[in-house]
Amino acid sequence: MSMTMKEAILKSLDDLQKPSTSMDVYKHIRTNSYYDFGVGKTPEGTISAVLGSFIRNNDARVQRIKKGGSFYFYYLSKHESDIGSEFESIQVANNKTDTSKKTYKERDLHKLFST
């Protein structure tokens, strides 16, 4: 069975049924041989880009939540009600704000400015 990359991503998200990073999706696709990446040098980056295009194009099938600075977890919207506690724990972590304020003294930055 030959799938397109988008079909392989959707199938993987359907199989995983939990919020997953682009790397999790990539590993699942490779493990199950859903798509042949050929000789591409950064197939995991391609998966990340395609997942991002689902979001940018407002594709209702795929949703994402942000965890941490630059980590996104993707899931199928049809599994949103089944995700349960794992989804809530990620959302709670997302809602926490960093209240620590970083301050720097001029002397701390001197090496940076003088190089």
PDB file of N, CA and C in Angstrom:
ATOM      1  N   MET A   1       0.845  -1.180   0.000  1.00  0.00           N
ATOM      2  CA  MET A   1       0.000   0.000   0.000  1.00  0.00           C
ATOM      3  C   MET A   1       0.889   1.242   0.000  1.00  0.00           C
ATOM      4  N   SER A   2       0.675   2.107  -0.945  1.00  0.00           N
ATOM      5  CA  SER A   2       1.477   3.313  -1.070  1.00  0.00           C
ATOM      6  C   SER A   2       0.667   4.512  -0.578  1.00  0.00           C
ATOM      7  N   MET A   3       1.222   5.201   0.420  1.00  0.00           N
ATOM      8  CA  MET A   3       0.562   6.379   0.983  1.00  0.00           C
ATOM      9  C   MET A   3       1.343   7.622   0.617  1.00  0.00           C
ATOM     10  N   THR A   4       0.643   8.730   0.572  1.00  0.00           N
ATOM     11  CA  THR A   4       1.343  10.002   0.469  1.00  0.00           C
ATOM     12  C   THR A   4       1.858  10.348   1.866  1.00  0.00           C
ATOM     13  N   MET A   5       2.712  11.349   1.944  1.00  0.00           N
ATOM     14  CA  MET A   5       3.252  11.733   3.246  1.00  0.00           C
ATOM     15  C   MET A   5       2.130  12.223   4.166  1.00  0.00           C
ATOM     16  N   LYS A   6       1.207  13.010   3.632  1.00  0.00           N
ATOM     17  CA  LYS A   6       0.097  13.510   4.452  1.00  0.00           C
ATOM     18  C   LYS A   6      -0.759  12.364   4.971  1.00  0.00           C
ATOM     19  N   GLU A   7      -1.041  11.385   4.120  1.00  0.00           N
ATOM     20  CA  GLU A   7      -1.818  10.223   4.550  1.00  0.00           C
ATOM     21  C   GLU A   7      -1.086   9.446   5.640  1.00  0.00           C
ATOM     22  N   ALA A   8       0.227   9.315   5.498  1.00  0.00           N
ATOM     23  CA  ALA A   8       1.030   8.607   6.497  1.00  0.00           C
ATOM     24  C   ALA A   8       1.006   9.343   7.836  1.00  0.00           C
ATOM     25  N   ILE A   9       1.071  10.663   7.793  1.00  0.00           N
ATOM     26  CA  ILE A   9       1.015  11.463   9.025  1.00  0.00           C
ATOM     27  C   ILE A   9      -0.341  11.298   9.699  1.00  0.00           C
ATOM     28  N   LEU A  10      -1.409  11.412   8.929  1.00  0.00           N
ATOM     29  CA  LEU A  10      -2.747  11.261   9.498  1.00  0.00           C
ATOM     30  C   LEU A  10      -2.953   9.860  10.067  1.00  0.00           C
ATOM     31  N   LYS A  11      -2.469   8.853   9.374  1.00  0.00           N
ATOM     32  CA  LYS A  11      -2.583   7.461   9.848  1.00  0.00           C
ATOM     33  C   LYS A  11      -1.795   7.288  11.145  1.00  0.00           C
ATOM     34  N   SER A  12      -0.610   7.858  11.219  1.00  0.00           N
ATOM     35  CA  SER A  12       0.204   7.750  12.428  1.00  0.00           C
ATOM     36  C   SER A  12      -0.467   8.441  13.609  1.00  0.00           C
ATOM     37  N   LEU A  13      -0.980   9.635  13.388  1.00  0.00           N
ATOM     38  CA  LEU A  13      -1.677  10.344  14.459  1.00  0.00           C
ATOM     39  C   LEU A  13      -2.908   9.563  14.912  1.00  0.00           C
ATOM     40  N   ASP A  14      -3.577   8.899  13.964  1.00  0.00           N
ATOM     41  CA  ASP A  14      -4.734   8.077  14.298  1.00  0.00           C
ATOM     42  C   ASP A  14      -4.309   6.871  15.127  1.00  0.00           C
ATOM     43  N   ASP A  15      -3.191   6.256  14.767  1.00  0.00           N
ATOM     44  CA  ASP A  15      -2.677   5.101  15.517  1.00  0.00           C
ATOM     45  C   ASP A  15      -2.223   5.502  16.913  1.00  0.00           C
ATOM     46  N   LEU A  16      -1.524   6.622  17.022  1.00  0.00           N
ATOM     47  CA  LEU A  16      -0.947   7.047  18.295  1.00  0.00           C
ATOM     48  C   LEU A  16      -2.022   7.482  19.298  1.00  0.00           C
ATOM     49  N   GLN A  17      -3.053   8.149  18.852  1.00  0.00           N
ATOM     50  CA  GLN A  17      -4.184   8.599  19.660  1.00  0.00           C
ATOM     51  C   GLN A  17      -3.766   9.365  20.922  1.00  0.00           C
ATOM     52  N   LYS A  18      -2.689  10.118  20.827  1.00  0.00           N
ATOM     53  CA  LYS A  18      -2.251  10.965  21.943  1.00  0.00           C
ATOM     54  C   LYS A  18      -1.475  12.131  21.365  1.00  0.00           C
ATOM     55  N   PRO A  19      -1.317  13.203  22.116  1.00  0.00           N
ATOM     56  CA  PRO A  19      -0.499  14.307  21.620  1.00  0.00           C
ATOM     57  C   PRO A  19       0.924  13.827  21.385  1.00  0.00           C
ATOM     58  N   SER A  20       1.441  14.045  20.185  1.00  0.00           N
ATOM     59  CA  SER A  20       2.751  13.522  19.799  1.00  0.00           C
ATOM     60  C   SER A  20       3.568  14.596  19.104  1.00  0.00           C
ATOM     61  N   THR A  21       4.865  14.555  19.321  1.00  0.00           N
ATOM     62  CA  THR A  21       5.755  15.491  18.645  1.00  0.00           C
ATOM     63  C   THR A  21       5.951  15.043  17.203  1.00  0.00           C
ATOM     64  N   SER A  22       6.512  15.909  16.402  1.00  0.00           N
ATOM     65  CA  SER A  22       6.780  15.551  15.008  1.00  0.00           C
ATOM     66  C   SER A  22       7.768  14.384  14.941  1.00  0.00           C
ATOM     67  N   MET A  23       8.699  14.313  15.897  1.00  0.00           N
ATOM     68  CA  MET A  23       9.656  13.203  15.922  1.00  0.00           C
ATOM     69  C   MET A  23       8.944  11.884  16.251  1.00  0.00           C
ATOM     70  N   ASP A  24       7.958  11.917  17.151  1.00  0.00           N
ATOM     71  CA  ASP A  24       7.174  10.712  17.458  1.00  0.00           C
ATOM     72  C   ASP A  24       6.443  10.226  16.211  1.00  0.00           C
ATOM     73  N   VAL A  25       5.869  11.167  15.483  1.00  0.00           N
ATOM     74  CA  VAL A  25       5.137  10.825  14.259  1.00  0.00           C
ATOM     75  C   VAL A  25       6.102  10.231  13.236  1.00  0.00           C
ATOM     76  N   TYR A  26       7.269  10.855  13.078  1.00  0.00           N
ATOM     77  CA  TYR A  26       8.275  10.357  12.138  1.00  0.00           C
ATOM     78  C   TYR A  26       8.684   8.920  12.485  1.00  0.00           C
ATOM     79  N   LYS A  27       8.986   8.678  13.755  1.00  0.00           N
ATOM     80  CA  LYS A  27       9.403   7.330  14.184  1.00  0.00           C
ATOM     81  C   LYS A  27       8.297   6.308  13.945  1.00  0.00           C
ATOM     82  N   HIS A  28       7.054   6.697  14.175  1.00  0.00           N
ATOM     83  CA  HIS A  28       5.929   5.789  13.959  1.00  0.00           C
ATOM     84  C   HIS A  28       5.776   5.456  12.472  1.00  0.00           C
ATOM     85  N   ILE A  29       5.951   6.454  11.633  1.00  0.00           N
ATOM     86  CA  ILE A  29       5.864   6.222  10.184  1.00  0.00           C
ATOM     87  C   ILE A  29       6.965   5.261   9.742  1.00  0.00           C
ATOM     88  N   ARG A  30       8.192   5.478  10.219  1.00  0.00           N
ATOM     89  CA  ARG A  30       9.319   4.607   9.848  1.00  0.00           C
ATOM     90  C   ARG A  30       9.111   3.186  10.362  1.00  0.00           C
ATOM     91  N   THR A  31       8.679   3.064  11.616  1.00  0.00           N
ATOM     92  CA  THR A  31       8.489   1.743  12.227  1.00  0.00           C
ATOM     93  C   THR A  31       7.448   0.931  11.467  1.00  0.00           C
ATOM     94  N   ASN A  32       6.381   1.582  11.044  1.00  0.00           N
ATOM     95  CA  ASN A  32       5.291   0.882  10.359  1.00  0.00           C
ATOM     96  C   ASN A  32       5.388   0.920   8.840  1.00  0.00           C
ATOM     97  N   SER A  33       6.456   1.508   8.326  1.00  0.00           N
ATOM     98  CA  SER A  33       6.696   1.587   6.871  1.00  0.00           C
ATOM     99  C   SER A  33       5.507   2.176   6.116  1.00  0.00           C
ATOM    100  N   TYR A  34       4.950   3.256   6.642  1.00  0.00           N
ATOM    101  CA  TYR A  34       3.828   3.909   5.981  1.00  0.00           C
ATOM    102  C   TYR A  34       4.272   4.721   4.772  1.00  0.00           C
ATOM    103  N   TYR A  35       5.508   5.188   4.797  1.00  0.00           N
ATOM    104  CA  TYR A  35       5.986   6.049   3.721  1.00  0.00           C
ATOM    105  C   TYR A  35       7.472   5.792   3.533  1.00  0.00           C
ATOM    106  N   ASP A  36       7.913   5.783   2.282  1.00  0.00           N
ATOM    107  CA  ASP A  36       9.332   5.618   1.972  1.00  0.00           C
ATOM    108  C   ASP A  36       9.945   6.999   1.765  1.00  0.00           C
ATOM    109  N   PHE A  37      10.838   7.376   2.662  1.00  0.00           N
ATOM    110  CA  PHE A  37      11.456   8.694   2.595  1.00  0.00           C
ATOM    111  C   PHE A  37      12.598   8.757   1.587  1.00  0.00           C
ATOM    112  N   GLY A  38      12.984   7.637   1.041  1.00  0.00           N
ATOM    113  CA  GLY A  38      14.046   7.621   0.045  1.00  0.00           C
ATOM    114  C   GLY A  38      15.367   8.063   0.641  1.00  0.00           C
ATOM    115  N   VAL A  39      16.077   8.939  -0.054  1.00  0.00           N
ATOM    116  CA  VAL A  39      17.404   9.373   0.380  1.00  0.00           C
ATOM    117  C   VAL A  39      17.386  10.784   0.968  1.00  0.00           C
ATOM    118  N   GLY A  40      16.227  11.240   1.400  1.00  0.00           N
ATOM    119  CA  GLY A  40      16.133  12.575   1.991  1.00  0.00           C
ATOM    120  C   GLY A  40      17.029  12.698   3.213  1.00  0.00           C
ATOM    121  N   LYS A  41      17.659  13.856   3.365  1.00  0.00           N
ATOM    122  CA  LYS A  41      18.602  14.041   4.470  1.00  0.00           C
ATOM    123  C   LYS A  41      17.921  14.412   5.780  1.00  0.00           C
ATOM    124  N   THR A  42      16.763  15.056   5.721  1.00  0.00           N
ATOM    125  CA  THR A  42      16.078  15.466   6.949  1.00  0.00           C
ATOM    126  C   THR A  42      14.588  15.110   6.891  1.00  0.00           C
ATOM    127  N   PRO A  43      14.264  13.823   6.862  1.00  0.00           N
ATOM    128  CA  PRO A  43      12.845  13.455   6.772  1.00  0.00           C
ATOM    129  C   PRO A  43      12.046  13.886   7.996  1.00  0.00           C
ATOM    130  N   GLU A  44      12.687  13.921   9.166  1.00  0.00           N
ATOM    131  CA  GLU A  44      11.963  14.364  10.362  1.00  0.00           C
ATOM    132  C   GLU A  44      11.603  15.844  10.270  1.00  0.00           C
ATOM    133  N   GLY A  45      12.438  16.627   9.618  1.00  0.00           N
ATOM    134  CA  GLY A  45      12.138  18.042   9.376  1.00  0.00           C
ATOM    135  C   GLY A  45      10.988  18.208   8.403  1.00  0.00           C
ATOM    136  N   THR A  46      10.929  17.320   7.434  1.00  0.00           N
ATOM    137  CA  THR A  46       9.840  17.354   6.460  1.00  0.00           C
ATOM    138  C   THR A  46       8.514  17.049   7.143  1.00  0.00           C
ATOM    139  N   ILE A  47       8.522  16.069   8.036  1.00  0.00           N
ATOM    140  CA  ILE A  47       7.306  15.730   8.793  1.00  0.00           C
ATOM    141  C   ILE A  47       6.863  16.937   9.607  1.00  0.00           C
ATOM    142  N   SER A  48       7.807  17.587  10.257  1.00  0.00           N
ATOM    143  CA  SER A  48       7.502  18.777  11.049  1.00  0.00           C
ATOM    144  C   SER A  48       6.890  19.872  10.177  1.00  0.00           C
ATOM    145  N   ALA A  49       7.441  20.072   8.998  1.00  0.00           N
ATOM    146  CA  ALA A  49       6.938  21.097   8.077  1.00  0.00           C
ATOM    147  C   ALA A  49       5.530  20.772   7.592  1.00  0.00           C
ATOM    148  N   VAL A  50       5.266  19.509   7.302  1.00  0.00           N
ATOM    149  CA  VAL A  50       3.933  19.119   6.831  1.00  0.00           C
ATOM    150  C   VAL A  50       2.911  19.269   7.959  1.00  0.00           C
ATOM    151  N   LEU A  51       3.307  18.897   9.182  1.00  0.00           N
ATOM    152  CA  LEU A  51       2.405  19.094  10.318  1.00  0.00           C
ATOM    153  C   LEU A  51       2.095  20.587  10.496  1.00  0.00           C
ATOM    154  N   GLY A  52       3.110  21.427  10.337  1.00  0.00           N
ATOM    155  CA  GLY A  52       2.903  22.870  10.416  1.00  0.00           C
ATOM    156  C   GLY A  52       1.984  23.369   9.327  1.00  0.00           C
ATOM    157  N   SER A  53       2.072  22.779   8.135  1.00  0.00           N
ATOM    158  CA  SER A  53       1.194  23.215   7.041  1.00  0.00           C
ATOM    159  C   SER A  53      -0.261  22.831   7.308  1.00  0.00           C
ATOM    160  N   PHE A  54      -0.477  21.702   7.997  1.00  0.00           N
ATOM    161  CA  PHE A  54      -1.853  21.362   8.397  1.00  0.00           C
ATOM    162  C   PHE A  54      -2.433  22.494   9.251  1.00  0.00           C
ATOM    163  N   ILE A  55      -1.620  22.988  10.183  1.00  0.00           N
ATOM    164  CA  ILE A  55      -2.081  24.041  11.092  1.00  0.00           C
ATOM    165  C   ILE A  55      -2.262  25.366  10.344  1.00  0.00           C
ATOM    166  N   ARG A  56      -1.274  25.742   9.531  1.00  0.00           N
ATOM    167  CA  ARG A  56      -1.349  27.011   8.788  1.00  0.00           C
ATOM    168  C   ARG A  56      -2.532  27.045   7.823  1.00  0.00           C
ATOM    169  N   ASN A  57      -2.863  25.885   7.259  1.00  0.00           N
ATOM    170  CA  ASN A  57      -3.973  25.809   6.302  1.00  0.00           C
ATOM    171  C   ASN A  57      -5.312  25.571   6.991  1.00  0.00           C
ATOM    172  N   ASN A  58      -5.312  25.664   8.327  1.00  0.00           N
ATOM    173  CA  ASN A  58      -6.538  25.488   9.118  1.00  0.00           C
ATOM    174  C   ASN A  58      -7.244  24.175   8.823  1.00  0.00           C
ATOM    175  N   ASP A  59      -6.478  23.105   8.653  1.00  0.00           N
ATOM    176  CA  ASP A  59      -7.039  21.775   8.450  1.00  0.00           C
ATOM    177  C   ASP A  59      -7.640  21.323   9.780  1.00  0.00           C
ATOM    178  N   ALA A  60      -8.949  21.138   9.821  1.00  0.00           N
ATOM    179  CA  ALA A  60      -9.648  20.825  11.069  1.00  0.00           C
ATOM    180  C   ALA A  60      -9.293  19.447  11.620  1.00  0.00           C
ATOM    181  N   ARG A  61      -8.686  18.584  10.815  1.00  0.00           N
ATOM    182  CA  ARG A  61      -8.352  17.233  11.287  1.00  0.00           C
ATOM    183  C   ARG A  61      -7.209  17.220  12.281  1.00  0.00           C
ATOM    184  N   VAL A  62      -6.276  18.161  12.160  1.00  0.00           N
ATOM    185  CA  VAL A  62      -5.078  18.160  12.991  1.00  0.00           C
ATOM    186  C   VAL A  62      -5.083  19.379  13.908  1.00  0.00           C
ATOM    187  N   GLN A  63      -4.803  19.135  15.172  1.00  0.00           N
ATOM    188  CA  GLN A  63      -4.702  20.189  16.173  1.00  0.00           C
ATOM    189  C   GLN A  63      -3.328  20.119  16.813  1.00  0.00           C
ATOM    190  N   ARG A  64      -2.911  21.205  17.458  1.00  0.00           N
ATOM    191  CA  ARG A  64      -1.640  21.174  18.160  1.00  0.00           C
ATOM    192  C   ARG A  64      -1.726  22.011  19.423  1.00  0.00           C
ATOM    193  N   ILE A  65      -0.863  21.654  20.350  1.00  0.00           N
ATOM    194  CA  ILE A  65      -0.709  22.431  21.565  1.00  0.00           C
ATOM    195  C   ILE A  65       0.778  22.651  21.772  1.00  0.00           C
ATOM    196  N   LYS A  66       1.102  23.759  22.387  1.00  0.00           N
ATOM    197  CA  LYS A  66       2.505  24.116  22.585  1.00  0.00           C
ATOM    198  C   LYS A  66       2.916  23.748  23.997  1.00  0.00           C
ATOM    199  N   LYS A  67       4.063  23.125  24.098  1.00  0.00           N
ATOM    200  CA  LYS A  67       4.615  22.814  25.410  1.00  0.00           C
ATOM    201  C   LYS A  67       6.051  23.294  25.424  1.00  0.00           C
ATOM    202  N   GLY A  68       6.385  24.063  26.416  1.00  0.00           N
ATOM    203  CA  GLY A  68       7.737  24.579  26.490  1.00  0.00           C
ATOM    204  C   GLY A  68       7.944  25.676  25.466  1.00  0.00           C
ATOM    205  N   GLY A  69       9.201  25.968  25.211  1.00  0.00           N
ATOM    206  CA  GLY A  69       9.532  27.061  24.312  1.00  0.00           C
ATOM    207  C   GLY A  69       9.183  26.802  22.869  1.00  0.00           C
ATOM    208  N   SER A  70       9.575  25.650  22.347  1.00  0.00           N
ATOM    209  CA  SER A  70       9.378  25.431  20.918  1.00  0.00           C
ATOM    210  C   SER A  70       8.871  24.028  20.594  1.00  0.00           C
ATOM    211  N   PHE A  71       8.282  23.340  21.561  1.00  0.00           N
ATOM    212  CA  PHE A  71       7.764  22.004  21.313  1.00  0.00           C
ATOM    213  C   PHE A  71       6.266  22.046  21.087  1.00  0.00           C
ATOM    214  N   TYR A  72       5.843  21.442  19.990  1.00  0.00           N
ATOM    215  CA  TYR A  72       4.430  21.321  19.685  1.00  0.00           C
ATOM    216  C   TYR A  72       4.045  19.861  19.717  1.00  0.00           C
ATOM    217  N   PHE A  73       2.871  19.594  20.257  1.00  0.00           N
ATOM    218  CA  PHE A  73       2.307  18.260  20.252  1.00  0.00           C
ATOM    219  C   PHE A  73       1.102  18.273  19.326  1.00  0.00           C
ATOM    220  N   TYR A  74       1.051  17.329  18.409  1.00  0.00           N
ATOM    221  CA  TYR A  74      -0.013  17.248  17.414  1.00  0.00           C
ATOM    222  C   TYR A  74      -0.913  16.061  17.714  1.00  0.00           C
ATOM    223  N   TYR A  75      -2.178  16.206  17.377  1.00  0.00           N
ATOM    224  CA  TYR A  75      -3.133  15.123  17.561  1.00  0.00           C
ATOM    225  C   TYR A  75      -4.286  15.333  16.596  1.00  0.00           C
ATOM    226  N   LEU A  76      -5.053  14.272  16.387  1.00  0.00           N
ATOM    227  CA  LEU A  76      -6.230  14.385  15.543  1.00  0.00           C
ATOM    228  C   LEU A  76      -7.381  14.928  16.377  1.00  0.00           C
ATOM    229  N   SER A  77      -8.114  15.852  15.825  1.00  0.00           N
ATOM    230  CA  SER A  77      -9.206  16.475  16.567  1.00  0.00           C
ATOM    231  C   SER A  77     -10.282  15.457  16.949  1.00  0.00           C
ATOM    232  N   LYS A  78     -10.419  14.390  16.180  1.00  0.00           N
ATOM    233  CA  LYS A  78     -11.437  13.390  16.524  1.00  0.00           C
ATOM    234  C   LYS A  78     -11.075  12.615  17.789  1.00  0.00           C
ATOM    235  N   HIS A  79      -9.808  12.666  18.213  1.00  0.00           N
ATOM    236  CA  HIS A  79      -9.379  11.982  19.441  1.00  0.00           C
ATOM    237  C   HIS A  79      -9.280  12.929  20.631  1.00  0.00           C
ATOM    238  N   GLU A  80      -9.676  14.163  20.465  1.00  0.00           N
ATOM    239  CA  GLU A  80      -9.517  15.158  21.524  1.00  0.00           C
ATOM    240  C   GLU A  80     -10.228  14.740  22.810  1.00  0.00           C
ATOM    241  N   SER A  81     -11.416  14.176  22.699  1.00  0.00           N
ATOM    242  CA  SER A  81     -12.147  13.775  23.905  1.00  0.00           C
ATOM    243  C   SER A  81     -11.549  12.531  24.547  1.00  0.00           C
ATOM    244  N   ASP A  82     -10.838  11.710  23.780  1.00  0.00           N
ATOM    245  CA  ASP A  82     -10.245  10.478  24.318  1.00  0.00           C
ATOM    246  C   ASP A  82      -8.871  10.703  24.936  1.00  0.00           C
ATOM    247  N   ILE A  83      -8.277  11.842  24.679  1.00  0.00           N
ATOM    248  CA  ILE A  83      -6.914  12.095  25.147  1.00  0.00           C
ATOM    249  C   ILE A  83      -6.881  12.203  26.666  1.00  0.00           C
ATOM    250  N   GLY A  84      -7.856  12.855  27.255  1.00  0.00           N
ATOM    251  CA  GLY A  84      -8.028  12.881  28.691  1.00  0.00           C
ATOM    252  C   GLY A  84      -6.900  13.520  29.473  1.00  0.00           C
ATOM    253  N   SER A  85      -6.392  12.797  30.465  1.00  0.00           N
ATOM    254  CA  SER A  85      -5.453  13.358  31.438  1.00  0.00           C
ATOM    255  C   SER A  85      -4.142  13.797  30.805  1.00  0.00           C
ATOM    256  N   GLU A  86      -3.665  13.082  29.803  1.00  0.00           N
ATOM    257  CA  GLU A  86      -2.403  13.478  29.162  1.00  0.00           C
ATOM    258  C   GLU A  86      -2.555  14.837  28.485  1.00  0.00           C
ATOM    259  N   PHE A  87      -3.673  15.048  27.817  1.00  0.00           N
ATOM    260  CA  PHE A  87      -3.953  16.324  27.163  1.00  0.00           C
ATOM    261  C   PHE A  87      -4.057  17.435  28.204  1.00  0.00           C
ATOM    262  N   GLU A  88      -4.743  17.166  29.308  1.00  0.00           N
ATOM    263  CA  GLU A  88      -4.907  18.170  30.357  1.00  0.00           C
ATOM    264  C   GLU A  88      -3.583  18.528  31.003  1.00  0.00           C
ATOM    265  N   SER A  89      -2.723  17.525  31.233  1.00  0.00           N
ATOM    266  CA  SER A  89      -1.436  17.815  31.866  1.00  0.00           C
ATOM    267  C   SER A  89      -0.561  18.671  30.963  1.00  0.00           C
ATOM    268  N   ILE A  90      -0.649  18.469  29.669  1.00  0.00           N
ATOM    269  CA  ILE A  90       0.120  19.295  28.737  1.00  0.00           C
ATOM    270  C   ILE A  90      -0.465  20.705  28.719  1.00  0.00           C
ATOM    271  N   GLN A  91      -1.790  20.824  28.734  1.00  0.00           N
ATOM    272  CA  GLN A  91      -2.403  22.143  28.741  1.00  0.00           C
ATOM    273  C   GLN A  91      -2.060  22.902  30.017  1.00  0.00           C
ATOM    274  N   VAL A  92      -2.074  22.215  31.155  1.00  0.00           N
ATOM    275  CA  VAL A  92      -1.736  22.863  32.415  1.00  0.00           C
ATOM    276  C   VAL A  92      -0.307  23.369  32.368  1.00  0.00           C
ATOM    277  N   ALA A  93       0.599  22.556  31.838  1.00  0.00           N
ATOM    278  CA  ALA A  93       1.994  22.984  31.712  1.00  0.00           C
ATOM    279  C   ALA A  93       2.098  24.193  30.791  1.00  0.00           C
ATOM    280  N   ASN A  94       1.268  24.246  29.761  1.00  0.00           N
ATOM    281  CA  ASN A  94       1.285  25.383  28.841  1.00  0.00           C
ATOM    282  C   ASN A  94       0.791  26.649  29.499  1.00  0.00           C
ATOM    283  N   ASN A  95      -0.161  26.536  30.398  1.00  0.00           N
ATOM    284  CA  ASN A  95      -0.776  27.711  31.000  1.00  0.00           C
ATOM    285  C   ASN A  95       0.074  28.325  32.104  1.00  0.00           C
ATOM    286  N   LYS A  96       1.074  27.615  32.582  1.00  0.00           N
ATOM    287  CA  LYS A  96       1.946  28.177  33.603  1.00  0.00           C
ATOM    288  C   LYS A  96       2.812  29.242  32.954  1.00  0.00           C
ATOM    289  N   THR A  97       2.899  30.371  33.603  1.00  0.00           N
ATOM    290  CA  THR A  97       3.703  31.450  33.045  1.00  0.00           C
ATOM    291  C   THR A  97       5.004  31.553  33.805  1.00  0.00           C
ATOM    292  N   ASP A  98       6.011  31.964  33.145  1.00  0.00           N
ATOM    293  CA  ASP A  98       7.321  32.142  33.746  1.00  0.00           C
ATOM    294  C   ASP A  98       7.341  33.511  34.412  1.00  0.00           C
ATOM    295  N   THR A  99       7.321  33.495  35.748  1.00  0.00           N
ATOM    296  CA  THR A  99       7.260  34.747  36.483  1.00  0.00           C
ATOM    297  C   THR A  99       8.640  35.286  36.818  1.00  0.00           C
ATOM    298  N   SER A 100       9.667  34.466  36.579  1.00  0.00           N
ATOM    299  CA  SER A 100      11.009  34.946  36.876  1.00  0.00           C
ATOM    300  C   SER A 100      11.442  35.919  35.791  1.00  0.00           C
ATOM    301  N   LYS A 101      11.940  37.037  36.207  1.00  0.00           N
ATOM    302  CA  LYS A 101      12.355  38.066  35.262  1.00  0.00           C
ATOM    303  C   LYS A 101      13.877  38.068  35.213  1.00  0.00           C
ATOM    304  N   LYS A 102      14.417  37.911  34.031  1.00  0.00           N
ATOM    305  CA  LYS A 102      15.863  37.883  33.877  1.00  0.00           C
ATOM    306  C   LYS A 102      16.381  39.303  33.715  1.00  0.00           C
ATOM    307  N   THR A 103      17.388  39.611  34.498  1.00  0.00           N
ATOM    308  CA  THR A 103      18.029  40.914  34.370  1.00  0.00           C
ATOM    309  C   THR A 103      19.516  40.701  34.196  1.00  0.00           C
ATOM    310  N   TYR A 104      20.133  41.587  33.476  1.00  0.00           N
ATOM    311  CA  TYR A 104      21.560  41.503  33.217  1.00  0.00           C
ATOM    312  C   TYR A 104      22.208  42.830  33.578  1.00  0.00           C
ATOM    313  N   LYS A 105      23.389  42.715  34.087  1.00  0.00           N
ATOM    314  CA  LYS A 105      24.163  43.922  34.354  1.00  0.00           C
ATOM    315  C   LYS A 105      25.078  44.163  33.167  1.00  0.00           C
ATOM    316  N   GLU A 106      25.463  45.384  32.986  1.00  0.00           N
ATOM    317  CA  GLU A 106      26.313  45.757  31.861  1.00  0.00           C
ATOM    318  C   GLU A 106      27.585  44.923  31.824  1.00  0.00           C
ATOM    319  N   ARG A 107      28.184  44.677  32.980  1.00  0.00           N
ATOM    320  CA  ARG A 107      29.419  43.914  33.050  1.00  0.00           C
ATOM    321  C   ARG A 107      29.216  42.463  32.563  1.00  0.00           C
ATOM    322  N   ASP A 108      28.032  41.904  32.807  1.00  0.00           N
ATOM    323  CA  ASP A 108      27.733  40.551  32.351  1.00  0.00           C
ATOM    324  C   ASP A 108      27.736  40.462  30.823  1.00  0.00           C
ATOM    325  N   LEU A 109      27.355  41.526  30.180  1.00  0.00           N
ATOM    326  CA  LEU A 109      27.261  41.543  28.716  1.00  0.00           C
ATOM    327  C   LEU A 109      28.527  42.015  28.037  1.00  0.00           C
ATOM    328  N   HIS A 110      29.511  42.435  28.784  1.00  0.00           N
ATOM    329  CA  HIS A 110      30.712  43.000  28.213  1.00  0.00           C
ATOM    330  C   HIS A 110      31.411  42.050  27.246  1.00  0.00           C
ATOM    331  N   LYS A 111      31.554  40.781  27.627  1.00  0.00           N
ATOM    332  CA  LYS A 111      32.230  39.808  26.736  1.00  0.00           C
ATOM    333  C   LYS A 111      31.471  39.667  25.417  1.00  0.00           C
ATOM    334  N   LEU A 112      30.167  39.676  25.491  1.00  0.00           N
ATOM    335  CA  LEU A 112      29.356  39.557  24.286  1.00  0.00           C
ATOM    336  C   LEU A 112      29.561  40.747  23.363  1.00  0.00           C
ATOM    337  N   PHE A 113      29.562  41.923  23.905  1.00  0.00           N
ATOM    338  CA  PHE A 113      29.680  43.123  23.088  1.00  0.00           C
ATOM    339  C   PHE A 113      31.095  43.342  22.562  1.00  0.00           C
ATOM    340  N   SER A 114      32.086  42.853  23.280  1.00  0.00           N
ATOM    341  CA  SER A 114      33.465  43.118  22.858  1.00  0.00           C
ATOM    342  C   SER A 114      34.006  42.074  21.886  1.00  0.00           C
ATOM    343  N   THR A 115      33.242  41.029  21.596  1.00  0.00           N
ATOM    344  CA  THR A 115      33.739  40.014  20.643  1.00  0.00           C
ATOM    345  C   THR A 115      33.214  40.237  19.258  1.00  0.00           C
TER     346      THR A 115
END
